[in-house]
Amino acid sequence: MTKEKKTTTYSIDAAGKTLGRIASEAAKALMGKTSADYTPHIRSDVKVSVSNAAKMYLREKKRAQKTYVSYSGHPGGLKRETLSMLSARLGKGAAIRKAVARMIPRNTMHTARMKNLTITE
């Protein structure tokens, strides 16, 4: 008795939506929670594509105050970057990618799930 895995595609239009709403919808789909046969320990084969990332709604306060912090482990290795600096450097899709990555559980399936996420500006 073998079960065939079928790839399902899930598309999200980011125009006019906020960052958190887009990210939570994408994370839910990547985890497989939108399908009826959801099982937590089995990786679902869902591909999520987010379109119109440049038309995403972001308030000016969020662009200025939202900071991403990373620490290298070395003295003086604390780096802070605001959302506006991140989107200027890597595009608005990077903010969506970071938000989705932090909403997905950090287990062995995290990398494979993130590879199924495509974002277009």
C-alpha atoms as a PDB file:
ATOM      1  CA  MET A   1       0.000   0.000   0.000  1.00  0.00           C
ATOM      2  CA  THR A   2       1.870   3.079  -1.219  1.00  0.00           C
ATOM      3  CA  LYS A   3       0.660   6.608  -0.967  1.00  0.00           C
ATOM      4  CA  GLU A   4       1.441   8.926  -3.828  1.00  0.00           C
ATOM      5  CA  LYS A   5       2.429  12.449  -2.894  1.00  0.00           C
ATOM      6  CA  LYS A   6       0.945  15.076  -5.106  1.00  0.00           C
ATOM      7  CA  THR A   7       2.303  18.598  -5.232  1.00  0.00           C
ATOM      8  CA  THR A   8      -0.239  21.308  -4.599  1.00  0.00           C
ATOM      9  CA  THR A   9       0.393  24.963  -5.351  1.00  0.00           C
ATOM     10  CA  TYR A  10      -0.898  27.744  -3.174  1.00  0.00           C
ATOM     11  CA  SER A  11      -0.733  31.330  -4.428  1.00  0.00           C
ATOM     12  CA  ILE A  12      -1.036  34.484  -2.348  1.00  0.00           C
ATOM     13  CA  ASP A  13      -1.545  37.987  -3.736  1.00  0.00           C
ATOM     14  CA  ALA A  14       0.263  40.396  -1.396  1.00  0.00           C
ATOM     15  CA  ALA A  15      -1.192  43.598  -2.866  1.00  0.00           C
ATOM     16  CA  GLY A  16      -2.797  45.651  -0.096  1.00  0.00           C
ATOM     17  CA  LYS A  17      -2.176  43.059   2.648  1.00  0.00           C
ATOM     18  CA  THR A  18       0.032  43.553   5.700  1.00  0.00           C
ATOM     19  CA  LEU A  19       3.276  41.671   6.303  1.00  0.00           C
ATOM     20  CA  GLY A  20       1.972  39.496   9.138  1.00  0.00           C
ATOM     21  CA  ARG A  21      -1.175  38.424   7.318  1.00  0.00           C
ATOM     22  CA  ILE A  22       0.803  37.355   4.252  1.00  0.00           C
ATOM     23  CA  ALA A  23       3.415  35.534   6.333  1.00  0.00           C
ATOM     24  CA  SER A  24       0.929  33.659   8.517  1.00  0.00           C
ATOM     25  CA  GLU A  25      -1.076  32.531   5.500  1.00  0.00           C
ATOM     26  CA  ALA A  26       2.083  31.327   3.743  1.00  0.00           C
ATOM     27  CA  ALA A  27       3.417  29.563   6.856  1.00  0.00           C
ATOM     28  CA  LYS A  28       0.122  27.785   7.411  1.00  0.00           C
ATOM     29  CA  ALA A  29       0.101  26.561   3.820  1.00  0.00           C
ATOM     30  CA  LEU A  30       3.769  25.471   3.907  1.00  0.00           C
ATOM     31  CA  MET A  31       3.154  23.402   7.031  1.00  0.00           C
ATOM     32  CA  GLY A  32       0.260  21.683   5.276  1.00  0.00           C
ATOM     33  CA  LYS A  33      -2.442  22.910   7.628  1.00  0.00           C
ATOM     34  CA  THR A  34      -4.664  23.964   4.733  1.00  0.00           C
ATOM     35  CA  SER A  35      -5.070  20.381   3.504  1.00  0.00           C
ATOM     36  CA  ALA A  36      -7.457  17.848   5.000  1.00  0.00           C
ATOM     37  CA  ASP A  37      -4.810  15.139   5.432  1.00  0.00           C
ATOM     38  CA  TYR A  38      -2.521  17.215   7.684  1.00  0.00           C
ATOM     39  CA  THR A  39      -0.141  15.168   9.816  1.00  0.00           C
ATOM     40  CA  PRO A  40       2.413  17.091  11.934  1.00  0.00           C
ATOM     41  CA  HIS A  41       5.362  14.715  11.483  1.00  0.00           C
ATOM     42  CA  ILE A  42       4.946  14.257   7.700  1.00  0.00           C
ATOM     43  CA  ARG A  43       6.166  17.004   5.380  1.00  0.00           C
ATOM     44  CA  SER A  44       3.431  18.040   3.004  1.00  0.00           C
ATOM     45  CA  ASP A  45       4.418  18.764  -0.577  1.00  0.00           C
ATOM     46  CA  VAL A  46       2.937  22.253  -0.912  1.00  0.00           C
ATOM     47  CA  LYS A  47       4.524  24.999  -2.993  1.00  0.00           C
ATOM     48  CA  VAL A  48       3.597  28.552  -2.028  1.00  0.00           C
ATOM     49  CA  SER A  49       4.092  31.516  -4.332  1.00  0.00           C
ATOM     50  CA  VAL A  50       3.652  35.079  -3.117  1.00  0.00           C
ATOM     51  CA  SER A  51       3.122  37.646  -5.857  1.00  0.00           C
ATOM     52  CA  ASN A  52       3.108  41.473  -5.783  1.00  0.00           C
ATOM     53  CA  ALA A  53       5.417  41.718  -2.770  1.00  0.00           C
ATOM     54  CA  ALA A  54       6.294  45.297  -3.724  1.00  0.00           C
ATOM     55  CA  LYS A  55       2.614  46.286  -3.381  1.00  0.00           C
ATOM     56  CA  MET A  56       2.444  45.017   0.209  1.00  0.00           C
ATOM     57  CA  TYR A  57       0.964  47.495   2.698  1.00  0.00           C
ATOM     58  CA  LEU A  58       3.504  48.710   5.281  1.00  0.00           C
ATOM     59  CA  ARG A  59       3.016  51.645   7.635  1.00  0.00           C
ATOM     60  CA  GLU A  60       5.872  54.134   7.998  1.00  0.00           C
ATOM     61  CA  LYS A  61       6.064  53.441  11.732  1.00  0.00           C
ATOM     62  CA  LYS A  62       6.598  49.719  11.037  1.00  0.00           C
ATOM     63  CA  ARG A  63       9.338  50.482   8.483  1.00  0.00           C
ATOM     64  CA  ALA A  64      11.212  52.652  10.979  1.00  0.00           C
ATOM     65  CA  GLN A  65      10.699  50.705  14.223  1.00  0.00           C
ATOM     66  CA  LYS A  66      10.792  47.027  13.185  1.00  0.00           C
ATOM     67  CA  THR A  67      14.349  45.822  13.751  1.00  0.00           C
ATOM     68  CA  TYR A  68      16.057  42.546  12.918  1.00  0.00           C
ATOM     69  CA  VAL A  69      18.835  41.631  15.353  1.00  0.00           C
ATOM     70  CA  SER A  70      21.597  39.096  14.715  1.00  0.00           C
ATOM     71  CA  TYR A  71      24.580  38.243  16.878  1.00  0.00           C
ATOM     72  CA  SER A  72      27.741  36.589  15.557  1.00  0.00           C
ATOM     73  CA  GLY A  73      28.922  35.431  18.980  1.00  0.00           C
ATOM     74  CA  HIS A  74      31.988  37.639  18.924  1.00  0.00           C
ATOM     75  CA  PRO A  75      32.466  40.814  20.997  1.00  0.00           C
ATOM     76  CA  GLY A  76      30.936  43.710  19.099  1.00  0.00           C
ATOM     77  CA  GLY A  77      29.166  41.329  16.734  1.00  0.00           C
ATOM     78  CA  LEU A  78      25.609  42.534  17.415  1.00  0.00           C
ATOM     79  CA  LYS A  79      24.009  43.790  14.214  1.00  0.00           C
ATOM     80  CA  ARG A  80      20.714  45.663  14.007  1.00  0.00           C
ATOM     81  CA  GLU A  81      18.836  46.402  10.810  1.00  0.00           C
ATOM     82  CA  THR A  82      15.496  48.139  10.367  1.00  0.00           C
ATOM     83  CA  LEU A  83      12.826  46.937   7.987  1.00  0.00           C
ATOM     84  CA  SER A  84      13.443  49.874   5.633  1.00  0.00           C
ATOM     85  CA  MET A  85      17.183  49.077   5.480  1.00  0.00           C
ATOM     86  CA  LEU A  86      16.464  45.381   4.829  1.00  0.00           C
ATOM     87  CA  SER A  87      13.963  46.108   2.061  1.00  0.00           C
ATOM     88  CA  ALA A  88      16.353  48.609   0.455  1.00  0.00           C
ATOM     89  CA  ARG A  89      19.168  46.045   0.515  1.00  0.00           C
ATOM     90  CA  LEU A  90      17.305  42.848  -0.477  1.00  0.00           C
ATOM     91  CA  GLY A  91      13.820  43.955  -1.590  1.00  0.00           C
ATOM     92  CA  LYS A  92      10.450  43.654   0.106  1.00  0.00           C
ATOM     93  CA  GLY A  93      10.385  39.913  -0.438  1.00  0.00           C
ATOM     94  CA  ALA A  94      13.156  39.486   2.146  1.00  0.00           C
ATOM     95  CA  ALA A  95      10.866  40.747   4.920  1.00  0.00           C
ATOM     96  CA  ILE A  96       8.214  38.208   3.941  1.00  0.00           C
ATOM     97  CA  ARG A  97      10.818  35.429   3.775  1.00  0.00           C
ATOM     98  CA  LYS A  98      12.143  36.271   7.269  1.00  0.00           C
ATOM     99  CA  ALA A  99       8.641  36.461   8.745  1.00  0.00           C
ATOM    100  CA  VAL A 100       7.603  33.100   7.242  1.00  0.00           C
ATOM    101  CA  ALA A 101      10.870  31.459   8.343  1.00  0.00           C
ATOM    102  CA  ARG A 102      10.248  32.520  11.922  1.00  0.00           C
ATOM    103  CA  MET A 103       6.643  31.259  11.885  1.00  0.00           C
ATOM    104  CA  ILE A 104       7.594  27.746  10.722  1.00  0.00           C
ATOM    105  CA  PRO A 105       8.815  25.333  13.433  1.00  0.00           C
ATOM    106  CA  ARG A 106      12.610  24.995  13.656  1.00  0.00           C
ATOM    107  CA  ASN A 107      12.943  21.277  13.013  1.00  0.00           C
ATOM    108  CA  THR A 108      14.395  19.060  10.296  1.00  0.00           C
ATOM    109  CA  MET A 109      11.636  20.016   7.854  1.00  0.00           C
ATOM    110  CA  HIS A 110      12.256  23.789   8.129  1.00  0.00           C
ATOM    111  CA  THR A 111      14.802  24.053   5.284  1.00  0.00           C
ATOM    112  CA  ALA A 112      12.768  21.876   2.920  1.00  0.00           C
ATOM    113  CA  ARG A 113       9.632  23.893   3.616  1.00  0.00           C
ATOM    114  CA  MET A 114      11.399  27.200   3.004  1.00  0.00           C
ATOM    115  CA  LYS A 115      12.647  25.942  -0.372  1.00  0.00           C
ATOM    116  CA  ASN A 116       8.991  25.601  -1.435  1.00  0.00           C
ATOM    117  CA  LEU A 117       8.406  29.351  -0.927  1.00  0.00           C
ATOM    118  CA  THR A 118       8.802  31.637  -3.943  1.00  0.00           C
ATOM    119  CA  ILE A 119       8.342  35.383  -3.727  1.00  0.00           C
ATOM    120  CA  THR A 120       7.995  37.712  -6.705  1.00  0.00           C
ATOM    121  CA  GLU A 121       8.192  41.482  -6.477  1.00  0.00           C
END
